[in-house]
Amino acid sequence: MASMRFAFGGHEVDYEVRGEGRPVLLVHGVTGDRRVMMASYEAALTAGGWRRIYLDLPGHGASKGDWTQMSADGLVDLLAALCARLELERPLAIGYSYGGYLVQGLARDVALGGALLVCPVLEPDFGRRVVPVRHVAVREPELPFSDDPRERTAFEEIAVRQTRAVLAAFQTAVHVGNVVADQDVVGAIRYRYAMARHHAAALRDLERPISIVCGRHDHWVGFEDAMALARRLPDAELTLLPGCGHLLPLEEPVAFGQALERWLGRCEKIGAE
């Protein structure tokens, strides 16, 4: 599927639409790009007959970003504008990491058909996050890192399961995005990381299937903030997976796939009405 371009707010966003059926918007996190979302969701969504909308956030992947116009609220506005441009009716939204934070804002502005938050940022203030002590569950010897030292540094910083299989997935789905991200844009996002507009009630008022999936050893965003959010959402499903962290979809693909299928099943039952 050929990618398309979308100009908004000084940014030039690259995106693509795959398949037919009910739409699902997939939003990655900071320094990644849509490749991490394709690696984790494309097979299940294709099999289920969903229409997939993948994008690279400004300054990530193939998208261009104006760092002077960057803010969390602006990114939410961009996502809402893309939904309007594509005339998406009750789209489902999947957000990974910071993408999960943006989806919370999108739920305020767009009538979503459901939301899946995977390792989501819930507390934008890094110092206020409740996170577990850094933990490595598995470390295989002599991992085949590339000659790029940034790859090893990034992988060892984030991975809880440091195996050949996880490294291979990291190399093709994560590191490729890390190295091309526009660092001026990334810095601007981090400077205006929090939404100024109120969004706390958006998921509570959604009344559509909500699932939150977290890794027990995620020392980047933690899981306790997600547990607190789930308690405020009476119909939300919270899945806490042991032995993995912020790379949860790559570290526990089977268990993650089961959580994804449960959420999709709930969304199918309700339909687009």
C-alpha atoms as a PDB file:
ATOM      1  CA  MET A   1       0.000   0.000   0.000  1.00  0.00           C
ATOM      2  CA  ALA A   2       1.446   3.372  -1.030  1.00  0.00           C
ATOM      3  CA  SER A   3       1.831   5.964   1.684  1.00  0.00           C
ATOM      4  CA  MET A   4       0.042   9.310   1.536  1.00  0.00           C
ATOM      5  CA  ARG A   5       0.862  12.789   2.837  1.00  0.00           C
ATOM      6  CA  PHE A   6      -1.183  15.025   5.112  1.00  0.00           C
ATOM      7  CA  ALA A   7      -0.231  18.616   5.927  1.00  0.00           C
ATOM      8  CA  PHE A   8      -1.328  19.962   9.293  1.00  0.00           C
ATOM      9  CA  GLY A   9      -0.060  22.583  11.719  1.00  0.00           C
ATOM     10  CA  GLY A  10       3.266  23.069   9.968  1.00  0.00           C
ATOM     11  CA  HIS A  11       3.884  19.305   9.776  1.00  0.00           C
ATOM     12  CA  GLU A  12       3.952  16.911   6.820  1.00  0.00           C
ATOM     13  CA  VAL A  13       2.583  13.568   7.991  1.00  0.00           C
ATOM     14  CA  ASP A  14       3.154  10.320   6.142  1.00  0.00           C
ATOM     15  CA  TYR A  15       0.461   7.653   6.602  1.00  0.00           C
ATOM     16  CA  GLU A  16      -1.045   4.641   4.910  1.00  0.00           C
ATOM     17  CA  VAL A  17      -4.395   2.855   4.927  1.00  0.00           C
ATOM     18  CA  ARG A  18      -4.560  -0.911   4.588  1.00  0.00           C
ATOM     19  CA  GLY A  19      -7.581  -3.134   4.021  1.00  0.00           C
ATOM     20  CA  GLU A  20     -11.313  -2.612   4.369  1.00  0.00           C
ATOM     21  CA  GLY A  21     -13.766  -2.889   7.240  1.00  0.00           C
ATOM     22  CA  ARG A  22     -14.085  -0.980  10.496  1.00  0.00           C
ATOM     23  CA  PRO A  23     -11.215   1.488  10.916  1.00  0.00           C
ATOM     24  CA  VAL A  24      -8.432   1.181  13.477  1.00  0.00           C
ATOM     25  CA  LEU A  25      -6.046   4.086  14.024  1.00  0.00           C
ATOM     26  CA  LEU A  26      -2.637   3.031  15.357  1.00  0.00           C
ATOM     27  CA  VAL A  27      -0.437   5.572  17.166  1.00  0.00           C
ATOM     28  CA  HIS A  28       3.178   4.865  18.107  1.00  0.00           C
ATOM     29  CA  GLY A  29       5.308   6.507  20.795  1.00  0.00           C
ATOM     30  CA  VAL A  30       8.162   9.010  20.859  1.00  0.00           C
ATOM     31  CA  THR A  31      11.247   8.091  18.752  1.00  0.00           C
ATOM     32  CA  GLY A  32       9.490   5.104  17.172  1.00  0.00           C
ATOM     33  CA  ASP A  33       7.451   5.045  13.995  1.00  0.00           C
ATOM     34  CA  ARG A  34       4.667   3.018  12.422  1.00  0.00           C
ATOM     35  CA  ARG A  35       6.927   0.007  11.899  1.00  0.00           C
ATOM     36  CA  VAL A  36       6.627  -0.943  15.565  1.00  0.00           C
ATOM     37  CA  MET A  37       2.839  -0.868  15.252  1.00  0.00           C
ATOM     38  CA  MET A  38       2.856  -2.948  12.061  1.00  0.00           C
ATOM     39  CA  ALA A  39       5.089  -5.548  13.676  1.00  0.00           C
ATOM     40  CA  SER A  40       2.760  -5.938  16.651  1.00  0.00           C
ATOM     41  CA  TYR A  41      -0.727  -5.612  15.149  1.00  0.00           C
ATOM     42  CA  GLU A  42      -0.799  -6.110  11.391  1.00  0.00           C
ATOM     43  CA  ALA A  43      -1.243  -9.896  11.365  1.00  0.00           C
ATOM     44  CA  ALA A  44      -4.147  -9.953  13.840  1.00  0.00           C
ATOM     45  CA  LEU A  45      -5.913  -6.948  12.322  1.00  0.00           C
ATOM     46  CA  THR A  46      -5.551  -8.319   8.800  1.00  0.00           C
ATOM     47  CA  ALA A  47      -6.974 -11.683   9.828  1.00  0.00           C
ATOM     48  CA  GLY A  48      -9.883  -9.948  11.547  1.00  0.00           C
ATOM     49  CA  GLY A  49     -10.791  -7.871   8.510  1.00  0.00           C
ATOM     50  CA  TRP A  50     -10.064  -4.449  10.000  1.00  0.00           C
ATOM     51  CA  ARG A  51      -9.133  -1.309   8.069  1.00  0.00           C
ATOM     52  CA  ARG A  52      -5.755  -0.201   9.431  1.00  0.00           C
ATOM     53  CA  ILE A  53      -4.551   3.407   9.485  1.00  0.00           C
ATOM     54  CA  TYR A  54      -0.848   3.663  10.277  1.00  0.00           C
ATOM     55  CA  LEU A  55       0.967   6.974  10.551  1.00  0.00           C
ATOM     56  CA  ASP A  56       4.337   8.355  11.491  1.00  0.00           C
ATOM     57  CA  LEU A  57       4.013  11.188  13.977  1.00  0.00           C
ATOM     58  CA  PRO A  58       5.724  14.448  12.910  1.00  0.00           C
ATOM     59  CA  GLY A  59       9.504  14.150  12.976  1.00  0.00           C
ATOM     60  CA  HIS A  60       9.311  10.349  13.049  1.00  0.00           C
ATOM     61  CA  GLY A  61       9.712   7.819  10.248  1.00  0.00           C
ATOM     62  CA  ALA A  62       8.844   9.405   6.911  1.00  0.00           C
ATOM     63  CA  SER A  63       6.992  12.386   8.425  1.00  0.00           C
ATOM     64  CA  LYS A  64       8.398  15.901   8.637  1.00  0.00           C
ATOM     65  CA  GLY A  65       7.805  17.991  11.720  1.00  0.00           C
ATOM     66  CA  ASP A  66       8.171  21.663  12.633  1.00  0.00           C
ATOM     67  CA  TRP A  67       9.637  21.617  16.136  1.00  0.00           C
ATOM     68  CA  THR A  68       8.442  25.191  16.786  1.00  0.00           C
ATOM     69  CA  GLN A  69       4.823  24.039  16.404  1.00  0.00           C
ATOM     70  CA  MET A  70       5.127  20.889  18.504  1.00  0.00           C
ATOM     71  CA  SER A  71       2.965  20.159  21.552  1.00  0.00           C
ATOM     72  CA  ALA A  72       0.898  17.321  22.993  1.00  0.00           C
ATOM     73  CA  ASP A  73      -2.336  19.200  22.291  1.00  0.00           C
ATOM     74  CA  GLY A  74      -1.201  19.891  18.739  1.00  0.00           C
ATOM     75  CA  LEU A  75      -0.528  16.187  18.166  1.00  0.00           C
ATOM     76  CA  VAL A  76      -4.022  15.310  19.410  1.00  0.00           C
ATOM     77  CA  ASP A  77      -5.458  17.932  17.049  1.00  0.00           C
ATOM     78  CA  LEU A  78      -3.464  16.355  14.218  1.00  0.00           C
ATOM     79  CA  LEU A  79      -4.868  12.889  14.961  1.00  0.00           C
ATOM     80  CA  ALA A  80      -8.401  14.285  15.100  1.00  0.00           C
ATOM     81  CA  ALA A  81      -7.868  16.094  11.787  1.00  0.00           C
ATOM     82  CA  LEU A  82      -6.630  12.875  10.162  1.00  0.00           C
ATOM     83  CA  CYS A  83      -9.750  11.052  11.396  1.00  0.00           C
ATOM     84  CA  ALA A  84     -11.882  13.819   9.858  1.00  0.00           C
ATOM     85  CA  ARG A  85      -9.899  13.780   6.602  1.00  0.00           C
ATOM     86  CA  LEU A  86     -10.473  10.033   6.216  1.00  0.00           C
ATOM     87  CA  GLU A  87     -14.105  10.353   7.380  1.00  0.00           C
ATOM     88  CA  LEU A  88     -13.595   7.639   9.977  1.00  0.00           C
ATOM     89  CA  GLU A  89     -16.808   6.610  11.694  1.00  0.00           C
ATOM     90  CA  ARG A  90     -16.349   5.377  15.270  1.00  0.00           C
ATOM     91  CA  PRO A  91     -12.716   4.384  14.684  1.00  0.00           C
ATOM     92  CA  LEU A  92     -10.959   2.136  17.147  1.00  0.00           C
ATOM     93  CA  ALA A  93      -7.724   3.612  18.457  1.00  0.00           C
ATOM     94  CA  ILE A  94      -4.605   1.766  19.604  1.00  0.00           C
ATOM     95  CA  GLY A  95      -1.902   3.741  21.350  1.00  0.00           C
ATOM     96  CA  TYR A  96       1.511   2.449  22.381  1.00  0.00           C
ATOM     97  CA  SER A  97       3.625   4.286  24.978  1.00  0.00           C
ATOM     98  CA  TYR A  98       3.209   8.039  24.349  1.00  0.00           C
ATOM     99  CA  GLY A  99       0.710   7.091  21.666  1.00  0.00           C
ATOM    100  CA  GLY A 100      -1.444   5.781  24.507  1.00  0.00           C
ATOM    101  CA  TYR A 101      -1.324   9.217  26.104  1.00  0.00           C
ATOM    102  CA  LEU A 102      -2.372  10.880  22.852  1.00  0.00           C
ATOM    103  CA  VAL A 103      -5.274   8.437  22.419  1.00  0.00           C
ATOM    104  CA  GLN A 104      -6.649   9.601  25.764  1.00  0.00           C
ATOM    105  CA  GLY A 105      -6.811  13.125  24.366  1.00  0.00           C
ATOM    106  CA  LEU A 106      -8.274  11.865  21.100  1.00  0.00           C
ATOM    107  CA  ALA A 107     -11.104  10.185  23.027  1.00  0.00           C
ATOM    108  CA  ARG A 108     -12.139  13.659  24.151  1.00  0.00           C
ATOM    109  CA  ASP A 109     -12.346  15.020  20.600  1.00  0.00           C
ATOM    110  CA  VAL A 110     -13.394  12.035  18.450  1.00  0.00           C
ATOM    111  CA  ALA A 111     -16.199   9.512  19.009  1.00  0.00           C
ATOM    112  CA  LEU A 112     -14.100   6.348  19.282  1.00  0.00           C
ATOM    113  CA  GLY A 113     -15.388   2.802  18.911  1.00  0.00           C
ATOM    114  CA  GLY A 114     -12.915   1.548  21.513  1.00  0.00           C
ATOM    115  CA  ALA A 115      -9.450   2.206  22.889  1.00  0.00           C
ATOM    116  CA  LEU A 116      -6.492  -0.072  23.517  1.00  0.00           C
ATOM    117  CA  LEU A 117      -3.648   1.429  25.562  1.00  0.00           C
ATOM    118  CA  VAL A 118      -0.425  -0.593  25.513  1.00  0.00           C
ATOM    119  CA  CYS A 119       2.307   0.374  27.998  1.00  0.00           C
ATOM    120  CA  PRO A 120       0.681   3.813  27.989  1.00  0.00           C
ATOM    121  CA  VAL A 121       2.065   7.049  29.350  1.00  0.00           C
ATOM    122  CA  LEU A 122      -0.491   8.069  31.963  1.00  0.00           C
ATOM    123  CA  GLU A 123       1.610  10.394  34.109  1.00  0.00           C
ATOM    124  CA  PRO A 124       3.458  12.853  31.836  1.00  0.00           C
ATOM    125  CA  ASP A 125       5.672  14.069  34.682  1.00  0.00           C
ATOM    126  CA  PHE A 126       8.558  11.587  34.726  1.00  0.00           C
ATOM    127  CA  GLY A 127       9.342  12.387  38.342  1.00  0.00           C
ATOM    128  CA  ARG A 128       5.833  11.508  39.523  1.00  0.00           C
ATOM    129  CA  ARG A 129       5.570   8.118  37.825  1.00  0.00           C
ATOM    130  CA  VAL A 130       5.427   5.041  40.027  1.00  0.00           C
ATOM    131  CA  VAL A 131       7.774   2.589  38.328  1.00  0.00           C
ATOM    132  CA  PRO A 132       9.319  -0.732  39.384  1.00  0.00           C
ATOM    133  CA  VAL A 133      13.015  -1.240  39.902  1.00  0.00           C
ATOM    134  CA  ARG A 134      14.794  -2.015  36.652  1.00  0.00           C
ATOM    135  CA  HIS A 135      14.834  -5.784  36.134  1.00  0.00           C
ATOM    136  CA  VAL A 136      16.204  -8.187  33.511  1.00  0.00           C
ATOM    137  CA  ALA A 137      14.211 -11.434  33.464  1.00  0.00           C
ATOM    138  CA  VAL A 138      16.294 -13.242  30.827  1.00  0.00           C
ATOM    139  CA  ARG A 139      19.723 -12.465  29.375  1.00  0.00           C
ATOM    140  CA  GLU A 140      21.056 -14.705  26.633  1.00  0.00           C
ATOM    141  CA  PRO A 141      24.830 -14.597  26.083  1.00  0.00           C
ATOM    142  CA  GLU A 142      26.554 -13.181  23.006  1.00  0.00           C
ATOM    143  CA  LEU A 143      23.590 -11.365  21.518  1.00  0.00           C
ATOM    144  CA  PRO A 144      24.203 -10.442  17.851  1.00  0.00           C
ATOM    145  CA  PHE A 145      24.163  -6.656  18.039  1.00  0.00           C
ATOM    146  CA  SER A 146      24.917  -4.615  14.946  1.00  0.00           C
ATOM    147  CA  ASP A 147      27.949  -2.360  14.605  1.00  0.00           C
ATOM    148  CA  ASP A 148      25.833   0.639  15.651  1.00  0.00           C
ATOM    149  CA  PRO A 149      26.583   1.145  19.379  1.00  0.00           C
ATOM    150  CA  ARG A 150      23.296   3.017  19.809  1.00  0.00           C
ATOM    151  CA  GLU A 151      21.427  -0.221  19.191  1.00  0.00           C
ATOM    152  CA  ARG A 152      23.002  -2.064  22.110  1.00  0.00           C
ATOM    153  CA  THR A 153      22.641   0.906  24.452  1.00  0.00           C
ATOM    154  CA  ALA A 154      18.958   1.370  23.638  1.00  0.00           C
ATOM    155  CA  PHE A 155      18.139  -2.328  23.807  1.00  0.00           C
ATOM    156  CA  GLU A 156      19.859  -2.953  27.119  1.00  0.00           C
ATOM    157  CA  GLU A 157      18.198   0.116  28.592  1.00  0.00           C
ATOM    158  CA  ILE A 158      14.648  -0.957  27.749  1.00  0.00           C
ATOM    159  CA  ALA A 159      14.543  -4.757  27.321  1.00  0.00           C
ATOM    160  CA  VAL A 160      13.461  -6.994  30.189  1.00  0.00           C
ATOM    161  CA  ARG A 161      13.767 -10.144  28.081  1.00  0.00           C
ATOM    162  CA  GLN A 162      17.175  -9.809  26.427  1.00  0.00           C
ATOM    163  CA  THR A 163      17.000 -12.704  23.989  1.00  0.00           C
ATOM    164  CA  ARG A 164      17.897 -13.195  20.338  1.00  0.00           C
ATOM    165  CA  ALA A 165      14.246 -13.238  19.323  1.00  0.00           C
ATOM    166  CA  VAL A 166      13.447  -9.981  21.103  1.00  0.00           C
ATOM    167  CA  LEU A 167      16.614  -8.335  19.779  1.00  0.00           C
ATOM    168  CA  ALA A 168      15.737  -9.332  16.201  1.00  0.00           C
ATOM    169  CA  ALA A 169      12.283  -7.781  16.582  1.00  0.00           C
ATOM    170  CA  PHE A 170      13.795  -4.692  18.212  1.00  0.00           C
ATOM    171  CA  GLN A 171      16.250  -4.262  15.340  1.00  0.00           C
ATOM    172  CA  THR A 172      13.584  -4.355  12.631  1.00  0.00           C
ATOM    173  CA  ALA A 173      10.688  -2.634  14.417  1.00  0.00           C
ATOM    174  CA  VAL A 174      12.166  -0.232  16.962  1.00  0.00           C
ATOM    175  CA  HIS A 175      15.802   0.693  16.352  1.00  0.00           C
ATOM    176  CA  VAL A 176      15.160   1.605  12.711  1.00  0.00           C
ATOM    177  CA  GLY A 177      12.767   4.280  13.962  1.00  0.00           C
ATOM    178  CA  ASN A 178      15.022   5.455  16.765  1.00  0.00           C
ATOM    179  CA  VAL A 179      17.894   6.323  14.448  1.00  0.00           C
ATOM    180  CA  VAL A 180      15.863   8.375  11.943  1.00  0.00           C
ATOM    181  CA  ALA A 181      13.781  10.377  14.421  1.00  0.00           C
ATOM    182  CA  ASP A 182      14.315  14.139  14.204  1.00  0.00           C
ATOM    183  CA  GLN A 183      15.931  14.965  17.534  1.00  0.00           C
ATOM    184  CA  ASP A 184      14.836  18.611  17.418  1.00  0.00           C
ATOM    185  CA  VAL A 185      11.219  17.454  17.139  1.00  0.00           C
ATOM    186  CA  VAL A 186      11.711  14.800  19.830  1.00  0.00           C
ATOM    187  CA  GLY A 187      13.134  17.429  22.166  1.00  0.00           C
ATOM    188  CA  ALA A 188      10.209  19.753  21.471  1.00  0.00           C
ATOM    189  CA  ILE A 189       7.716  16.967  22.207  1.00  0.00           C
ATOM    190  CA  ARG A 190       9.413  16.264  25.510  1.00  0.00           C
ATOM    191  CA  TYR A 191       9.389  19.988  26.346  1.00  0.00           C
ATOM    192  CA  ARG A 192       5.615  20.209  25.721  1.00  0.00           C
ATOM    193  CA  TYR A 193       4.920  16.622  26.725  1.00  0.00           C
ATOM    194  CA  ALA A 194       1.725  17.167  28.738  1.00  0.00           C
ATOM    195  CA  MET A 195      -1.680  18.115  27.389  1.00  0.00           C
ATOM    196  CA  ALA A 196      -2.897  21.490  28.608  1.00  0.00           C
ATOM    197  CA  ARG A 197      -6.511  20.747  27.724  1.00  0.00           C
ATOM    198  CA  HIS A 198      -8.498  18.649  30.176  1.00  0.00           C
ATOM    199  CA  HIS A 199      -8.805  15.008  29.132  1.00  0.00           C
ATOM    200  CA  ALA A 200      -9.105  12.999  32.358  1.00  0.00           C
ATOM    201  CA  ALA A 201     -12.804  12.237  31.908  1.00  0.00           C
ATOM    202  CA  ALA A 202     -12.581  11.254  28.236  1.00  0.00           C
ATOM    203  CA  LEU A 203     -12.126   7.513  28.734  1.00  0.00           C
ATOM    204  CA  ARG A 204     -14.604   7.385  31.615  1.00  0.00           C
ATOM    205  CA  ASP A 205     -17.271   8.865  29.344  1.00  0.00           C
ATOM    206  CA  LEU A 206     -16.374   6.762  26.310  1.00  0.00           C
ATOM    207  CA  GLU A 207     -18.756   3.854  27.065  1.00  0.00           C
ATOM    208  CA  ARG A 208     -16.925   1.677  24.540  1.00  0.00           C
ATOM    209  CA  PRO A 209     -14.504  -1.220  25.057  1.00  0.00           C
ATOM    210  CA  ILE A 210     -11.300  -0.091  26.751  1.00  0.00           C
ATOM    211  CA  SER A 211      -8.326  -2.340  27.440  1.00  0.00           C
ATOM    212  CA  ILE A 212      -5.014  -1.494  29.069  1.00  0.00           C
ATOM    213  CA  VAL A 213      -2.033  -3.825  28.741  1.00  0.00           C
ATOM    214  CA  CYS A 214       1.106  -3.317  30.830  1.00  0.00           C
ATOM    215  CA  GLY A 215       4.353  -5.102  31.600  1.00  0.00           C
ATOM    216  CA  ARG A 216       5.035  -5.943  35.253  1.00  0.00           C
ATOM    217  CA  HIS A 217       8.651  -4.779  34.908  1.00  0.00           C
ATOM    218  CA  ASP A 218       8.111  -1.669  32.781  1.00  0.00           C
ATOM    219  CA  HIS A 219      10.565   0.741  34.400  1.00  0.00           C
ATOM    220  CA  TRP A 220       9.744   3.504  31.895  1.00  0.00           C
ATOM    221  CA  VAL A 221       6.033   4.112  32.511  1.00  0.00           C
ATOM    222  CA  GLY A 222       5.249   1.536  35.200  1.00  0.00           C
ATOM    223  CA  PHE A 223       1.907  -0.170  35.740  1.00  0.00           C
ATOM    224  CA  GLU A 224       0.490   1.261  38.955  1.00  0.00           C
ATOM    225  CA  ASP A 225      -0.828   4.392  37.240  1.00  0.00           C
ATOM    226  CA  ALA A 226      -2.625   2.069  34.808  1.00  0.00           C
ATOM    227  CA  MET A 227      -4.150   0.136  37.697  1.00  0.00           C
ATOM    228  CA  ALA A 228      -5.420   3.396  39.167  1.00  0.00           C
ATOM    229  CA  LEU A 229      -6.936   4.385  35.821  1.00  0.00           C
ATOM    230  CA  ALA A 230      -8.608   0.978  35.409  1.00  0.00           C
ATOM    231  CA  ARG A 231     -10.260   1.374  38.816  1.00  0.00           C
ATOM    232  CA  ARG A 232     -11.866   4.578  37.571  1.00  0.00           C
ATOM    233  CA  LEU A 233     -13.180   2.842  34.437  1.00  0.00           C
ATOM    234  CA  PRO A 234     -15.732   0.227  35.538  1.00  0.00           C
ATOM    235  CA  ASP A 235     -15.794  -1.658  32.230  1.00  0.00           C
ATOM    236  CA  ALA A 236     -12.091  -1.493  31.374  1.00  0.00           C
ATOM    237  CA  GLU A 237      -9.987  -4.645  31.153  1.00  0.00           C
ATOM    238  CA  LEU A 238      -6.489  -4.425  32.616  1.00  0.00           C
ATOM    239  CA  THR A 239      -3.906  -7.028  31.639  1.00  0.00           C
ATOM    240  CA  LEU A 240      -0.628  -7.089  33.578  1.00  0.00           C
ATOM    241  CA  LEU A 241       1.927  -9.422  32.044  1.00  0.00           C
ATOM    242  CA  PRO A 242       4.880 -10.733  34.088  1.00  0.00           C
ATOM    243  CA  GLY A 243       8.403 -11.113  32.771  1.00  0.00           C
ATOM    244  CA  CYS A 244       8.252  -8.190  30.366  1.00  0.00           C
ATOM    245  CA  GLY A 245       8.480  -4.421  30.272  1.00  0.00           C
ATOM    246  CA  HIS A 246       8.017  -1.548  27.831  1.00  0.00           C
ATOM    247  CA  LEU A 247       8.722  -3.832  24.874  1.00  0.00           C
ATOM    248  CA  LEU A 248       5.769  -5.992  25.918  1.00  0.00           C
ATOM    249  CA  PRO A 249       4.376  -6.700  22.407  1.00  0.00           C
ATOM    250  CA  LEU A 250       7.802  -7.982  21.339  1.00  0.00           C
ATOM    251  CA  GLU A 251       8.690  -9.746  24.601  1.00  0.00           C
ATOM    252  CA  GLU A 252       5.390 -11.587  25.165  1.00  0.00           C
ATOM    253  CA  PRO A 253       3.784 -11.754  21.695  1.00  0.00           C
ATOM    254  CA  VAL A 254       1.495 -14.711  22.455  1.00  0.00           C
ATOM    255  CA  ALA A 255       0.004 -13.340  25.667  1.00  0.00           C
ATOM    256  CA  PHE A 256      -0.198  -9.891  24.125  1.00  0.00           C
ATOM    257  CA  GLY A 257      -1.961 -11.296  21.072  1.00  0.00           C
ATOM    258  CA  GLN A 258      -4.548 -12.918  23.331  1.00  0.00           C
ATOM    259  CA  ALA A 259      -5.240  -9.587  25.068  1.00  0.00           C
ATOM    260  CA  LEU A 260      -5.545  -7.900  21.676  1.00  0.00           C
ATOM    261  CA  GLU A 261      -8.009 -10.521  20.440  1.00  0.00           C
ATOM    262  CA  ARG A 262     -10.155 -10.147  23.572  1.00  0.00           C
ATOM    263  CA  TRP A 263     -10.401  -6.409  23.037  1.00  0.00           C
ATOM    264  CA  LEU A 264     -11.180  -6.763  19.340  1.00  0.00           C
ATOM    265  CA  GLY A 265     -13.869  -9.292  20.188  1.00  0.00           C
ATOM    266  CA  ARG A 266     -15.509  -6.863  22.596  1.00  0.00           C
ATOM    267  CA  CYS A 267     -15.397  -4.142  19.943  1.00  0.00           C
ATOM    268  CA  GLU A 268     -16.958  -6.442  17.350  1.00  0.00           C
ATOM    269  CA  LYS A 269     -19.832  -7.270  19.691  1.00  0.00           C
ATOM    270  CA  ILE A 270     -20.770  -3.646  20.181  1.00  0.00           C
ATOM    271  CA  GLY A 271     -20.345  -2.717  16.526  1.00  0.00           C
ATOM    272  CA  ALA A 272     -20.073   0.740  15.060  1.00  0.00           C
ATOM    273  CA  GLU A 273     -23.439   2.094  16.227  1.00  0.00           C
END
